[in-house]
């Protein structure tokens, strides 16, 4: 946005991360964050897809 700057702003600490979708991209992002010691919440449209996403992260 023209004229908008982040000068003077202090970044907030990230305490947890939510990811919508546990497909290849979502599970890859979740894995990277977990390996970086961030708590992750993974959401999916149904239990079957959620389980598949969790298995990819493991």
N, C-alpha and C. Protein backbone atom coordinates (compact mmCIF):
# COMPACT_ATOMS: atom_id res chain seq x y z
N UNK A 1 0.86 -1.17 0.00
CA UNK A 1 0.00 0.00 0.00
C UNK A 1 0.90 1.23 0.00
N UNK A 2 0.77 2.08 -0.97
CA UNK A 2 1.62 3.28 -1.04
C UNK A 2 1.47 4.15 0.21
N UNK A 3 2.60 4.59 0.73
CA UNK A 3 2.58 5.48 1.88
C UNK A 3 2.48 4.79 3.22
N UNK A 4 2.32 3.47 3.23
CA UNK A 4 2.21 2.74 4.49
C UNK A 4 3.56 2.11 4.79
N UNK A 5 4.00 2.25 6.01
CA UNK A 5 5.30 1.71 6.41
C UNK A 5 5.16 0.97 7.73
N UNK A 6 6.12 0.10 8.01
CA UNK A 6 6.11 -0.61 9.29
C UNK A 6 7.13 -0.01 10.26
N UNK A 7 7.66 1.15 9.93
CA UNK A 7 8.62 1.81 10.82
C UNK A 7 7.98 2.08 12.17
N UNK A 8 8.69 1.75 13.22
CA UNK A 8 8.19 2.00 14.57
C UNK A 8 7.33 0.88 15.13
N UNK A 9 7.00 -0.11 14.33
CA UNK A 9 6.19 -1.22 14.82
C UNK A 9 7.08 -2.30 15.40
N UNK A 10 6.59 -2.94 16.45
CA UNK A 10 7.33 -4.02 17.10
C UNK A 10 6.65 -5.34 16.75
N UNK A 11 7.39 -6.30 16.21
CA UNK A 11 6.78 -7.60 15.88
C UNK A 11 6.26 -8.30 17.13
N UNK A 12 5.13 -8.97 16.98
CA UNK A 12 4.57 -9.74 18.09
C UNK A 12 5.13 -11.16 18.06
N UNK A 13 5.22 -11.77 19.24
CA UNK A 13 5.70 -13.14 19.34
C UNK A 13 4.63 -14.08 18.79
N UNK A 14 5.04 -15.06 18.01
CA UNK A 14 4.11 -16.07 17.49
C UNK A 14 4.01 -17.17 18.53
N UNK A 15 2.80 -17.40 19.05
CA UNK A 15 2.63 -18.41 20.10
C UNK A 15 2.12 -19.73 19.55
N UNK A 16 1.39 -19.71 18.44
CA UNK A 16 0.92 -20.93 17.78
C UNK A 16 0.51 -20.56 16.36
N UNK A 17 0.44 -21.58 15.51
CA UNK A 17 0.11 -21.35 14.10
C UNK A 17 -1.04 -22.26 13.69
N UNK A 18 -2.04 -21.72 13.02
CA UNK A 18 -3.13 -22.51 12.48
C UNK A 18 -2.95 -22.69 10.98
N UNK A 19 -3.16 -23.91 10.51
CA UNK A 19 -3.02 -24.21 9.08
C UNK A 19 -4.34 -24.80 8.59
N UNK A 20 -4.88 -24.22 7.54
CA UNK A 20 -6.12 -24.73 6.94
C UNK A 20 -5.76 -25.64 5.78
N UNK A 21 -5.99 -26.92 5.96
CA UNK A 21 -5.71 -27.90 4.92
C UNK A 21 -4.43 -28.66 5.20
N UNK A 22 -4.55 -29.98 5.24
CA UNK A 22 -3.41 -30.83 5.54
C UNK A 22 -2.90 -31.59 4.34
N UNK A 23 -3.10 -31.02 3.15
CA UNK A 23 -2.58 -31.65 1.93
C UNK A 23 -1.07 -31.56 1.90
N UNK A 24 -0.50 -31.74 0.72
CA UNK A 24 0.96 -31.72 0.61
C UNK A 24 1.56 -30.40 1.08
N UNK A 25 0.97 -29.30 0.68
CA UNK A 25 1.51 -28.00 1.08
C UNK A 25 1.28 -27.74 2.57
N UNK A 26 0.06 -27.94 3.04
CA UNK A 26 -0.25 -27.69 4.45
C UNK A 26 0.56 -28.57 5.39
N UNK A 27 0.69 -29.85 5.05
CA UNK A 27 1.46 -30.75 5.91
C UNK A 27 2.95 -30.41 5.87
N UNK A 28 3.44 -29.94 4.73
CA UNK A 28 4.83 -29.50 4.64
C UNK A 28 5.10 -28.28 5.50
N UNK A 29 4.17 -27.33 5.46
CA UNK A 29 4.29 -26.13 6.30
C UNK A 29 4.22 -26.52 7.77
N UNK A 30 3.29 -27.41 8.11
CA UNK A 30 3.16 -27.86 9.50
C UNK A 30 4.44 -28.53 9.97
N UNK A 31 5.03 -29.37 9.14
CA UNK A 31 6.27 -30.06 9.50
C UNK A 31 7.39 -29.05 9.76
N UNK A 32 7.54 -28.08 8.87
CA UNK A 32 8.59 -27.07 9.04
C UNK A 32 8.40 -26.28 10.33
N UNK A 33 7.16 -25.94 10.64
CA UNK A 33 6.89 -25.17 11.86
C UNK A 33 7.13 -26.01 13.11
N UNK A 34 6.69 -27.26 13.09
CA UNK A 34 6.90 -28.14 14.24
C UNK A 34 8.39 -28.34 14.48
N UNK A 35 9.16 -28.53 13.42
CA UNK A 35 10.61 -28.68 13.56
C UNK A 35 11.27 -27.40 14.08
N UNK A 36 10.58 -26.27 13.94
CA UNK A 36 11.07 -24.99 14.46
C UNK A 36 10.46 -24.68 15.82
N UNK A 37 9.84 -25.68 16.44
CA UNK A 37 9.29 -25.59 17.81
C UNK A 37 8.08 -24.66 17.94
N UNK A 38 7.26 -24.56 16.90
CA UNK A 38 6.00 -23.82 16.99
C UNK A 38 4.86 -24.80 17.18
N UNK A 39 3.94 -24.52 18.12
CA UNK A 39 2.73 -25.34 18.22
C UNK A 39 1.86 -25.11 16.97
N UNK A 40 1.33 -26.19 16.41
CA UNK A 40 0.57 -26.11 15.17
C UNK A 40 -0.82 -26.70 15.37
N UNK A 41 -1.83 -26.01 14.84
CA UNK A 41 -3.20 -26.50 14.80
C UNK A 41 -3.52 -26.73 13.32
N UNK A 42 -3.87 -27.97 12.98
CA UNK A 42 -4.17 -28.33 11.59
C UNK A 42 -5.67 -28.57 11.47
N UNK A 43 -6.32 -27.86 10.55
CA UNK A 43 -7.76 -28.00 10.33
C UNK A 43 -8.01 -28.60 8.95
N UNK A 44 -8.99 -29.48 8.86
CA UNK A 44 -9.38 -30.10 7.59
C UNK A 44 -10.89 -30.18 7.52
N UNK A 45 -11.41 -30.51 6.34
CA UNK A 45 -12.86 -30.53 6.14
C UNK A 45 -13.51 -31.77 6.74
N UNK A 46 -12.76 -32.86 6.92
CA UNK A 46 -13.34 -34.03 7.56
C UNK A 46 -12.24 -34.85 8.23
N UNK A 47 -12.64 -35.81 9.03
CA UNK A 47 -11.69 -36.59 9.83
C UNK A 47 -10.74 -37.42 8.96
N UNK A 48 -11.22 -37.92 7.84
CA UNK A 48 -10.38 -38.73 6.96
C UNK A 48 -9.22 -37.90 6.39
N UNK A 49 -9.51 -36.72 5.90
CA UNK A 49 -8.47 -35.84 5.36
C UNK A 49 -7.53 -35.37 6.47
N UNK A 50 -8.09 -35.11 7.66
CA UNK A 50 -7.26 -34.70 8.79
C UNK A 50 -6.26 -35.79 9.16
N UNK A 51 -6.74 -37.02 9.24
CA UNK A 51 -5.86 -38.14 9.58
C UNK A 51 -4.75 -38.30 8.55
N UNK A 52 -5.08 -38.16 7.27
CA UNK A 52 -4.06 -38.26 6.22
C UNK A 52 -3.02 -37.15 6.37
N UNK A 53 -3.47 -35.95 6.70
CA UNK A 53 -2.54 -34.84 6.90
C UNK A 53 -1.63 -35.06 8.09
N UNK A 54 -2.19 -35.56 9.18
CA UNK A 54 -1.40 -35.85 10.38
C UNK A 54 -0.36 -36.92 10.07
N UNK A 55 -0.73 -37.93 9.31
CA UNK A 55 0.22 -38.99 8.95
C UNK A 55 1.37 -38.44 8.11
N UNK A 56 1.09 -37.49 7.23
CA UNK A 56 2.16 -36.89 6.42
C UNK A 56 3.12 -36.09 7.29
N UNK A 57 2.60 -35.46 8.33
CA UNK A 57 3.44 -34.67 9.23
C UNK A 57 4.33 -35.58 10.07
N UNK A 58 3.81 -36.73 10.46
CA UNK A 58 4.60 -37.66 11.29
C UNK A 58 5.70 -38.21 10.46
